[in-house]
């Protein structure tokens, strides 16, 4: 199998396996480092990987003890003497050709590609990459606030005032500058900036919100009217909850809430049961007037339940829009202000480079990219793969596929812990390691290995954690969840 995915928990030796495979390849072919790209996600991890590979190679070359020696003998069939001789050759070549010893962060690798396509991507030759966006966001927020006096058509002043008012109503500080910077951090999440650039304009958004709010008010007014009708029936007939079945039946007391527009979380189970069964309202000894009014009240509640069920999805959507659309509208303006600041300073943020490459890299352009960059990597080794974002995977995938399809000796070795993907560090998506990587590389030519041993924790601790998790899963699966109506 030319592609291998190692999926295992922390402490199971994933990085050890990656470094071992790198050293083993060097022993088999000392010059192969020129065609290997080892990728990780932080500068610290990159240096650690480089150090581990060089140290183990040095131990083999100097006849020192090495944890890799026995495994290499077993997997290659080489004698110890040959392994150590090959290690000397590989070490010498790397030290005299260190720039071709390519262990990089994924961001550094993408930057190499981007620099090679300055003309094709219409970029300035001297653009600067910015990692820290906080200062740029602060300046963008300041520019946006200062532009209020120049605003003629966009309604920016009104939006900022509404935004500040909403913050005050929620009991927060009115300092919109800080809130704008917090809001602006959303721009750097995967795909957000692109969607904002092609989204509905603010005028249409205002019109849409008003129309949805009117529809929402109409539904609420109908429910209030029905609630008032029910309350009046009870009042005119001198009836209250004590005349009906149950100590304090909610299907009677609810009319007072509905008449003032308090729909809460919707009709309760008791109300729905009363709508379905008239016997829930009174006993066999009930007065005739109670039975007569119960039939009318039951019909009123049936109409309320129908109105609620038919419209609750739209009502919830309107509530979410009312809570967020001002922020959304401001995000458009903040995005434009941010782009203006970057253009003035000739700055490109790191995330923007991934967007540019995602538009440029695909299966068709992959061979051209190899030729242009001037490097031909036939072997890819990727550590901490669970931190790969969707954009990064879209950029890596064509290159991995191109390597495997154009060279029968090419290989891809991926290691990661799918459970760590839930933290979404760097925008990682668990589905990539779980399924998409194997499908993209070809399920028939990809081996998926799951390491089960933990070398970092004591056995008692591992057993305890396993028993706790297993019990939690059992309890969770045993819960009976009532479906929402």
Protein backbone atom coordinates (compact mmCIF):
# COMPACT_ATOMS: atom_id res chain seq x y z
CA UNK A 1 0.00 0.00 0.00
CA UNK A 2 1.47 3.34 -1.08
CA UNK A 3 -0.72 5.43 1.20
CA UNK A 4 -0.89 4.82 4.93
CA UNK A 5 -3.02 6.59 7.53
CA UNK A 6 -2.07 6.12 11.17
CA UNK A 7 -5.02 7.05 13.39
CA UNK A 8 -4.28 6.78 17.08
CA UNK A 9 -4.59 8.52 20.44
CA UNK A 10 -2.03 10.69 22.16
CA UNK A 11 0.89 8.73 23.58
CA UNK A 12 0.56 5.83 21.14
CA UNK A 13 3.71 6.69 19.19
CA UNK A 14 2.36 8.42 16.07
CA UNK A 15 5.21 10.91 15.75
CA UNK A 16 7.69 8.15 16.59
CA UNK A 17 6.32 6.15 13.66
CA UNK A 18 6.61 9.13 11.31
CA UNK A 19 10.23 9.85 12.30
CA UNK A 20 11.04 6.14 12.11
CA UNK A 21 9.65 5.87 8.58
CA UNK A 22 11.71 8.91 7.55
CA UNK A 23 14.93 7.39 8.95
CA UNK A 24 14.16 3.99 7.42
CA UNK A 25 13.73 5.61 3.99
CA UNK A 26 17.11 7.32 4.44
CA UNK A 27 18.79 4.02 5.32
CA UNK A 28 17.34 2.38 2.21
CA UNK A 29 18.20 5.33 -0.05
CA UNK A 30 20.35 8.09 1.56
CA UNK A 31 19.57 10.73 -1.07
CA UNK A 32 15.81 10.31 -0.84
CA UNK A 33 15.48 13.24 1.61
CA UNK A 34 15.46 15.53 -1.45
CA UNK A 35 12.12 14.02 -2.47
CA UNK A 36 10.47 13.82 0.95
CA UNK A 37 8.22 16.57 2.29
CA UNK A 38 7.56 16.22 6.01
CA UNK A 39 4.80 18.54 7.21
CA UNK A 40 3.59 19.54 10.63
CA UNK A 41 1.67 22.52 11.99
CA UNK A 42 3.87 24.53 14.37
CA UNK A 43 7.44 25.78 14.33
CA UNK A 44 8.14 23.96 17.60
CA UNK A 45 6.87 20.65 16.20
CA UNK A 46 8.96 21.18 13.06
CA UNK A 47 12.16 21.66 15.05
CA UNK A 48 11.36 18.67 17.23
CA UNK A 49 10.82 16.47 14.19
CA UNK A 50 14.04 17.65 12.54
CA UNK A 51 15.99 17.07 15.76
CA UNK A 52 14.53 13.61 16.24
CA UNK A 53 15.42 12.51 12.70
CA UNK A 54 18.97 13.92 12.84
CA UNK A 55 19.62 12.56 16.35
CA UNK A 56 18.50 9.05 15.46
CA UNK A 57 20.50 9.17 12.23
CA UNK A 58 23.53 10.34 14.25
CA UNK A 59 23.08 7.54 16.80
CA UNK A 60 23.08 4.97 14.01
CA UNK A 61 26.06 6.57 12.28
CA UNK A 62 28.15 6.74 15.49
CA UNK A 63 27.40 3.19 16.68
CA UNK A 64 25.30 4.50 19.58
CA UNK A 65 22.19 2.80 20.87
CA UNK A 66 19.14 3.54 18.74
CA UNK A 67 15.50 2.66 19.33
CA UNK A 68 15.13 2.33 15.57
CA UNK A 69 17.88 -0.20 14.91
CA UNK A 70 16.02 -3.46 15.52
CA UNK A 71 12.92 -2.31 13.65
CA UNK A 72 15.00 -1.21 10.65
CA UNK A 73 16.82 -4.57 10.59
CA UNK A 74 13.48 -6.36 10.71
CA UNK A 75 11.77 -4.22 8.02
CA UNK A 76 14.67 -3.92 5.56
CA UNK A 77 16.59 -7.19 6.07
CA UNK A 78 19.82 -5.16 6.31
CA UNK A 79 22.62 -6.11 8.64
CA UNK A 80 23.57 -3.74 11.47
CA UNK A 81 26.81 -2.90 9.69
CA UNK A 82 25.01 -1.89 6.50
CA UNK A 83 22.45 0.17 8.39
CA UNK A 84 25.13 2.13 10.21
CA UNK A 85 27.13 2.62 6.98
CA UNK A 86 24.06 3.94 5.19
CA UNK A 87 23.35 6.24 8.16
CA UNK A 88 26.80 7.81 7.78
CA UNK A 89 26.16 8.46 4.08
CA UNK A 90 22.68 9.92 4.71
CA UNK A 91 23.92 12.15 7.55
CA UNK A 92 26.76 13.51 5.44
CA UNK A 93 24.51 14.26 2.48
CA UNK A 94 21.91 16.04 4.60
CA UNK A 95 24.47 18.19 6.43
CA UNK A 96 26.03 19.26 3.12
CA UNK A 97 22.64 19.83 1.48
CA UNK A 98 20.58 20.96 4.45
CA UNK A 99 18.26 23.25 2.46
CA UNK A 100 16.85 20.19 0.71
CA UNK A 101 16.07 18.53 4.04
CA UNK A 102 12.45 19.62 3.85
CA UNK A 103 10.65 19.47 7.18
CA UNK A 104 8.25 22.40 7.20
CA UNK A 105 5.13 23.78 8.75
CA UNK A 106 2.20 23.53 6.38
CA UNK A 107 2.03 27.34 6.26
CA UNK A 108 5.67 27.60 5.20
CA UNK A 109 5.10 25.07 2.44
CA UNK A 110 2.11 27.00 1.10
CA UNK A 111 4.16 30.19 1.20
CA UNK A 112 6.79 28.55 -1.01
CA UNK A 113 4.13 27.74 -3.56
CA UNK A 114 2.60 31.21 -3.35
CA UNK A 115 5.95 32.94 -3.88
CA UNK A 116 6.46 30.88 -7.01
CA UNK A 117 3.20 32.21 -8.49
CA UNK A 118 3.53 35.93 -7.86
CA UNK A 119 2.73 36.84 -11.47
CA UNK A 120 -0.06 34.31 -11.99
CA UNK A 121 -1.84 35.49 -8.82
CA UNK A 122 -1.23 39.21 -9.55
CA UNK A 123 0.56 39.77 -6.26
CA UNK A 124 3.09 42.46 -5.41
CA UNK A 125 6.59 41.07 -5.27
CA UNK A 126 7.28 42.66 -1.87
CA UNK A 127 4.03 41.82 -0.07
CA UNK A 128 4.32 41.10 3.65
CA UNK A 129 2.72 38.20 5.47
CA UNK A 130 1.02 39.12 8.74
CA UNK A 131 0.32 36.48 11.38
CA UNK A 132 -1.13 38.72 14.08
CA UNK A 133 -4.44 40.16 12.90
CA UNK A 134 -5.35 41.96 16.15
CA UNK A 135 -3.54 45.22 15.30
CA UNK A 136 -5.01 45.23 11.79
CA UNK A 137 -8.49 44.65 13.20
CA UNK A 138 -8.11 47.51 15.68
CA UNK A 139 -7.07 49.89 12.92
CA UNK A 140 -9.91 48.67 10.68
CA UNK A 141 -12.42 49.28 13.50
CA UNK A 142 -11.02 52.78 14.07
CA UNK A 143 -11.23 53.60 10.37
CA UNK A 144 -14.80 52.30 10.23
CA UNK A 145 -15.90 54.44 13.20
CA UNK A 146 -14.12 57.52 11.81
CA UNK A 147 -15.87 57.08 8.48
CA UNK A 148 -19.30 57.77 10.01
CA UNK A 149 -19.13 61.44 9.04
CA UNK A 150 -18.43 60.49 5.42
CA UNK A 151 -21.25 57.93 5.24
CA UNK A 152 -23.97 59.06 2.84
CA UNK A 153 -25.78 56.00 1.54
CA UNK A 154 -24.85 52.82 3.36
CA UNK A 155 -26.56 53.65 6.65
CA UNK A 156 -23.37 52.92 8.57
CA UNK A 157 -24.13 55.48 11.29
CA UNK A 158 -27.55 53.94 11.91
CA UNK A 159 -26.07 50.43 12.06
CA UNK A 160 -23.38 51.46 14.55
CA UNK A 161 -25.95 53.21 16.75
CA UNK A 162 -28.25 50.17 16.65
CA UNK A 163 -25.31 47.91 17.41
CA UNK A 164 -24.29 50.03 20.44
CA UNK A 165 -27.92 50.27 21.62
CA UNK A 166 -28.32 46.51 21.46
CA UNK A 167 -25.17 46.07 23.54
CA UNK A 168 -26.52 48.48 26.17
CA UNK A 169 -29.85 46.68 26.28
CA UNK A 170 -27.99 43.44 26.95
CA UNK A 171 -26.21 45.08 29.87
CA UNK A 172 -22.84 45.30 28.12
CA UNK A 173 -20.51 48.23 27.71
CA UNK A 174 -21.22 50.57 24.82
CA UNK A 175 -17.56 50.69 23.70
CA UNK A 176 -18.21 49.46 20.18
CA UNK A 177 -14.53 49.51 19.19
CA UNK A 178 -13.74 46.49 21.32
CA UNK A 179 -16.94 44.75 20.22
CA UNK A 180 -16.11 45.41 16.57
CA UNK A 181 -12.72 43.78 17.03
CA UNK A 182 -14.35 40.77 18.67
CA UNK A 183 -16.86 40.60 15.84
CA UNK A 184 -14.07 40.92 13.27
CA UNK A 185 -12.39 37.76 14.53
CA UNK A 186 -15.19 35.87 12.73
CA UNK A 187 -13.65 36.98 9.43
CA UNK A 188 -10.76 34.56 9.87
CA UNK A 189 -12.84 31.43 10.22
CA UNK A 190 -12.93 29.06 7.27
CA UNK A 191 -14.89 30.47 4.35
CA UNK A 192 -16.57 33.32 6.29
CA UNK A 193 -14.90 36.20 4.42
CA UNK A 194 -15.68 34.63 1.05
CA UNK A 195 -19.35 34.13 1.93
CA UNK A 196 -19.62 37.71 3.19
CA UNK A 197 -18.24 39.01 -0.08
CA UNK A 198 -21.01 37.32 -2.06
CA UNK A 199 -23.86 37.73 0.41
CA UNK A 200 -27.08 39.74 0.35
CA UNK A 201 -26.64 43.53 0.52
CA UNK A 202 -27.72 45.51 3.57
CA UNK A 203 -30.74 47.17 1.95
CA UNK A 204 -32.22 43.84 0.92
CA UNK A 205 -31.38 42.43 4.33
CA UNK A 206 -33.29 45.24 6.08
CA UNK A 207 -36.30 44.65 3.82
CA UNK A 208 -36.19 40.91 4.47
CA UNK A 209 -35.96 41.38 8.24
CA UNK A 210 -38.95 43.75 8.27
CA UNK A 211 -41.06 41.34 6.20
CA UNK A 212 -40.19 38.38 8.43
CA UNK A 213 -40.85 40.38 11.59
CA UNK A 214 -44.28 41.38 10.28
CA UNK A 215 -45.13 37.75 9.57
CA UNK A 216 -43.88 36.82 13.03
CA UNK A 217 -46.02 39.54 14.64
CA UNK A 218 -49.09 38.36 12.73
CA UNK A 219 -48.66 34.81 14.08
CA UNK A 220 -48.09 36.09 17.61
CA UNK A 221 -51.17 38.32 17.41
CA UNK A 222 -53.31 35.36 16.31
CA UNK A 223 -52.08 33.35 19.29
CA UNK A 224 -52.76 36.30 21.61
CA UNK A 225 -56.25 36.67 20.17
CA UNK A 226 -56.99 32.98 20.70
CA UNK A 227 -55.62 33.16 24.24
CA UNK A 228 -57.80 36.17 24.99
CA UNK A 229 -60.85 34.39 23.58
CA UNK A 230 -60.21 31.42 25.87
CA UNK A 231 -59.67 33.63 28.92
CA UNK A 232 -62.91 35.52 28.21
CA UNK A 233 -64.88 32.25 27.92
CA UNK A 234 -63.64 31.24 31.35
CA UNK A 235 -64.40 34.65 32.84
CA UNK A 236 -67.93 34.95 31.39
CA UNK A 237 -68.86 31.52 32.72
CA UNK A 238 -67.25 32.09 36.14
CA UNK A 239 -64.86 29.20 35.63
CA UNK A 240 -61.26 28.76 36.64
CA UNK A 241 -58.70 25.94 36.91
CA UNK A 242 -60.41 24.51 39.99
CA UNK A 243 -63.47 23.53 37.95
CA UNK A 244 -61.46 21.24 35.68
CA UNK A 245 -59.60 17.99 36.09
CA UNK A 246 -56.23 18.17 37.81
CA UNK A 247 -54.87 20.19 40.73
CA UNK A 248 -53.63 23.09 38.58
CA UNK A 249 -54.18 22.11 34.92
CA UNK A 250 -51.86 24.00 32.58
CA UNK A 251 -54.34 23.66 29.72
CA UNK A 252 -56.53 26.12 31.65
CA UNK A 253 -53.92 28.49 33.12
CA UNK A 254 -52.14 28.82 29.75
CA UNK A 255 -54.85 31.12 28.33
CA UNK A 256 -53.68 34.00 30.55
CA UNK A 257 -50.12 33.58 29.25
CA UNK A 258 -51.14 33.35 25.62
CA UNK A 259 -53.35 36.46 25.82
CA UNK A 260 -50.24 38.58 26.63
CA UNK A 261 -48.09 36.86 23.96
CA UNK A 262 -46.07 34.66 26.31
CA UNK A 263 -45.72 31.44 24.30
CA UNK A 264 -42.66 30.20 26.20
CA UNK A 265 -41.29 26.98 24.73
CA UNK A 266 -44.61 26.20 23.11
CA UNK A 267 -47.51 23.98 24.17
CA UNK A 268 -46.59 21.55 26.93
CA UNK A 269 -47.26 17.82 26.89
CA UNK A 270 -50.24 18.40 29.20
CA UNK A 271 -51.74 20.89 26.75
CA UNK A 272 -51.21 18.56 23.79
CA UNK A 273 -52.75 15.65 25.71
CA UNK A 274 -55.77 17.83 26.51
CA UNK A 275 -56.11 18.71 22.83
CA UNK A 276 -56.11 15.03 21.92
CA UNK A 277 -58.45 13.76 24.64
CA UNK A 278 -61.51 15.61 26.05
CA UNK A 279 -61.47 13.27 29.06
CA UNK A 280 -58.36 15.12 30.30
CA UNK A 281 -60.60 18.16 31.01
CA UNK A 282 -63.20 16.86 33.42
CA UNK A 283 -64.40 13.86 35.35
CA UNK A 284 -67.67 11.95 35.05
CA UNK A 285 -69.37 14.16 37.66
CA UNK A 286 -68.56 17.47 35.94
CA UNK A 287 -71.25 20.09 35.41
CA UNK A 288 -72.83 20.43 31.98
CA UNK A 289 -71.49 23.97 31.55
CA UNK A 290 -67.95 22.74 32.28
CA UNK A 291 -68.27 20.06 29.61
CA UNK A 292 -69.67 22.56 27.11
CA UNK A 293 -66.94 25.16 27.70
CA UNK A 294 -64.26 22.43 27.67
CA UNK A 295 -65.18 21.53 24.09
CA UNK A 296 -64.81 25.17 23.00
CA UNK A 297 -61.55 25.63 24.89
CA UNK A 298 -60.19 22.40 23.44
CA UNK A 299 -60.79 23.72 19.92
CA UNK A 300 -59.06 27.01 20.79
CA UNK A 301 -56.00 25.14 22.10
CA UNK A 302 -56.01 22.94 19.00
CA UNK A 303 -55.76 26.07 16.83
CA UNK A 304 -52.95 27.45 19.02
CA UNK A 305 -50.99 24.19 18.76
CA UNK A 306 -51.44 24.12 14.98
CA UNK A 307 -50.30 27.74 14.63
CA UNK A 308 -47.27 27.09 16.81
CA UNK A 309 -46.23 23.87 15.08
CA UNK A 310 -46.65 25.29 11.58
CA UNK A 311 -44.65 28.44 12.30
CA UNK A 312 -42.16 27.75 15.11
CA UNK A 313 -39.27 27.12 12.70
CA UNK A 314 -39.81 30.49 11.02
CA UNK A 315 -40.30 32.21 14.38
CA UNK A 316 -37.02 30.83 15.71
CA UNK A 317 -35.27 31.89 12.51
CA UNK A 318 -36.58 35.44 12.89
CA UNK A 319 -35.46 35.52 16.53
CA UNK A 320 -31.93 34.50 15.48
CA UNK A 321 -31.88 37.04 12.67
CA UNK A 322 -33.00 39.84 14.97
CA UNK A 323 -30.24 38.92 17.37
CA UNK A 324 -27.48 38.78 14.78
CA UNK A 325 -28.30 40.64 11.59
CA UNK A 326 -26.92 44.00 12.82
CA UNK A 327 -23.64 42.29 13.59
CA UNK A 328 -23.75 40.60 10.19
CA UNK A 329 -24.33 43.91 8.39
CA UNK A 330 -21.46 45.53 10.28
CA UNK A 331 -19.23 42.59 9.47
CA UNK A 332 -19.57 43.45 5.79
CA UNK A 333 -18.36 47.01 6.42
CA UNK A 334 -15.59 45.83 8.74
CA UNK A 335 -14.45 43.34 6.12
CA UNK A 336 -14.16 46.09 3.53
CA UNK A 337 -12.30 48.34 5.97
CA UNK A 338 -9.91 45.48 6.77
CA UNK A 339 -9.21 44.89 3.08
CA UNK A 340 -8.51 48.60 2.59
CA UNK A 341 -5.98 48.63 5.45
CA UNK A 342 -4.21 45.55 4.06
CA UNK A 343 -4.04 47.12 0.60
CA UNK A 344 -2.59 50.37 1.94
CA UNK A 345 0.13 48.55 3.87
CA UNK A 346 0.72 45.89 1.20
CA UNK A 347 -0.07 43.20 3.77
CA UNK A 348 -1.51 39.75 3.26
CA UNK A 349 -2.73 37.78 6.24
CA UNK A 350 -1.75 34.14 6.42
CA UNK A 351 -5.30 32.83 6.02
CA UNK A 352 -5.71 34.84 2.82
CA UNK A 353 -2.82 32.98 1.22
CA UNK A 354 -4.68 29.70 1.74
CA UNK A 355 -7.75 31.14 0.04
CA UNK A 356 -5.70 32.26 -2.95
CA UNK A 357 -4.05 28.87 -3.27
CA UNK A 358 -7.40 27.09 -2.92
CA UNK A 359 -8.62 28.99 -5.99
CA UNK A 360 -5.44 28.21 -7.91
CA UNK A 361 -4.57 24.64 -6.92
CA UNK A 362 -6.65 21.82 -8.33
CA UNK A 363 -6.09 18.47 -9.96
CA UNK A 364 -5.53 20.13 -13.35
CA UNK A 365 -2.87 22.57 -12.13
CA UNK A 366 -1.00 20.16 -9.85
CA UNK A 367 1.65 19.08 -12.45
CA UNK A 368 2.21 22.71 -13.42
CA UNK A 369 2.68 23.64 -9.76
CA UNK A 370 5.34 20.98 -9.33
CA UNK A 371 7.22 22.22 -12.37
CA UNK A 372 6.96 25.88 -11.37
CA UNK A 373 8.01 25.42 -7.75
CA UNK A 374 11.06 23.47 -8.86
CA UNK A 375 10.66 20.66 -6.35
CA UNK A 376 9.46 17.18 -6.99
CA UNK A 377 8.22 15.55 -3.82
CA UNK A 378 7.39 11.89 -4.21
CA UNK A 379 6.97 11.13 -0.53
CA UNK A 380 4.71 13.07 1.83
CA UNK A 381 4.73 12.64 5.58
CA UNK A 382 2.15 14.67 7.52
CA UNK A 383 2.08 14.84 11.32
CA UNK A 384 -0.88 15.97 13.51
CA UNK A 385 -3.16 15.62 10.50
CA UNK A 386 -6.27 16.14 12.64
CA UNK A 387 -5.46 19.88 12.69
CA UNK A 388 -5.81 20.14 8.91
CA UNK A 389 -8.52 22.62 7.96
CA UNK A 390 -10.81 22.21 4.96
CA UNK A 391 -8.91 24.86 3.00
CA UNK A 392 -5.55 23.28 3.78
CA UNK A 393 -6.84 19.86 2.74
CA UNK A 394 -8.18 21.31 -0.51
CA UNK A 395 -4.69 22.66 -1.20
CA UNK A 396 -2.83 19.49 -0.21
CA UNK A 397 -5.10 16.91 -1.79
CA UNK A 398 -4.28 17.62 -5.50
CA UNK A 399 -0.55 17.48 -4.76
CA UNK A 400 -0.83 14.16 -2.92
CA UNK A 401 -2.98 12.66 -5.66
CA UNK A 402 -0.61 13.93 -8.35
CA UNK A 403 2.38 12.37 -6.61
CA UNK A 404 0.67 8.97 -6.27
CA UNK A 405 -0.69 8.97 -9.82
CA UNK A 406 2.52 10.02 -11.58
CA UNK A 407 5.07 7.87 -9.76
CA UNK A 408 4.61 4.23 -8.77
CA UNK A 409 7.26 4.64 -6.05
CA UNK A 410 5.54 7.64 -4.43
CA UNK A 411 4.05 7.35 -0.96
CA UNK A 412 1.90 9.26 1.50
CA UNK A 413 2.16 8.72 5.25
CA UNK A 414 -0.38 10.51 7.45
CA UNK A 415 -0.61 10.40 11.25
CA UNK A 416 -3.22 11.99 13.49
CA UNK A 417 -5.70 11.58 16.33
CA UNK A 418 -9.26 11.99 15.12
CA UNK A 419 -10.56 12.61 18.65
CA UNK A 420 -8.50 15.79 18.93
CA UNK A 421 -10.35 17.20 15.91
CA UNK A 422 -13.31 18.09 18.14
CA UNK A 423 -11.31 21.05 19.50
CA UNK A 424 -11.20 22.60 16.01
CA UNK A 425 -7.66 23.92 16.46
CA UNK A 426 -6.70 25.78 13.30
CA UNK A 427 -10.17 24.96 11.95
CA UNK A 428 -9.52 21.21 11.79
CA UNK A 429 -12.36 19.05 10.50
CA UNK A 430 -12.68 15.49 11.88
CA UNK A 431 -14.28 14.18 8.68
CA UNK A 432 -11.03 14.66 6.75
CA UNK A 433 -9.07 12.15 8.84
CA UNK A 434 -12.10 9.95 9.44
CA UNK A 435 -13.09 9.38 5.82
CA UNK A 436 -12.16 11.98 3.20
CA UNK A 437 -8.39 11.41 3.15
CA UNK A 438 -8.79 7.67 2.57
CA UNK A 439 -11.38 8.24 -0.18
CA UNK A 440 -9.23 10.87 -1.93
CA UNK A 441 -6.07 8.75 -1.88
CA UNK A 442 -7.96 5.64 -2.98
CA UNK A 443 -9.43 3.21 -0.49
CA UNK A 444 -8.05 0.23 -2.40
CA UNK A 445 -4.46 1.50 -2.13
CA UNK A 446 -4.65 3.02 1.36
CA UNK A 447 -3.93 1.24 4.63
CA UNK A 448 -5.58 2.60 7.78
CA UNK A 449 -3.87 1.55 11.00
CA UNK A 450 -5.10 2.22 14.53
CA UNK A 451 -2.49 1.98 17.28
CA UNK A 452 -3.95 0.62 20.51
CA UNK A 453 -0.98 0.81 22.88
CA UNK A 454 -0.42 3.89 25.05
CA UNK A 455 3.21 4.51 26.01
CA UNK A 456 2.65 7.77 27.87
CA UNK A 457 0.20 6.83 30.67
CA UNK A 458 0.28 4.17 33.37
CA UNK A 459 -1.88 1.08 32.62
CA UNK A 460 -4.13 1.73 35.63
CA UNK A 461 -4.94 5.23 34.37
CA UNK A 462 -5.71 3.95 30.86
CA UNK A 463 -7.99 1.21 32.23
CA UNK A 464 -9.80 3.72 34.47
CA UNK A 465 -10.41 6.13 31.60
CA UNK A 466 -11.60 3.33 29.31
CA UNK A 467 -14.08 2.07 31.91
CA UNK A 468 -15.41 5.57 32.60
CA UNK A 469 -15.89 6.36 28.90
CA UNK A 470 -17.51 2.99 28.21
CA UNK A 471 -19.94 3.53 31.09
CA UNK A 472 -20.79 7.06 29.94
CA UNK A 473 -21.52 5.77 26.44
CA UNK A 474 -23.74 3.02 27.83
CA UNK A 475 -25.72 5.49 29.95
CA UNK A 476 -26.02 7.94 27.09
CA UNK A 477 -27.30 5.26 24.73
CA UNK A 478 -29.81 4.11 27.34
CA UNK A 479 -31.42 7.52 27.69
CA UNK A 480 -34.85 7.83 26.16
CA UNK A 481 -35.06 11.18 24.41
CA UNK A 482 -38.53 12.51 23.80
CA UNK A 483 -38.86 13.92 20.27
CA UNK A 484 -39.69 17.59 19.96
CA UNK A 485 -43.08 18.30 18.47
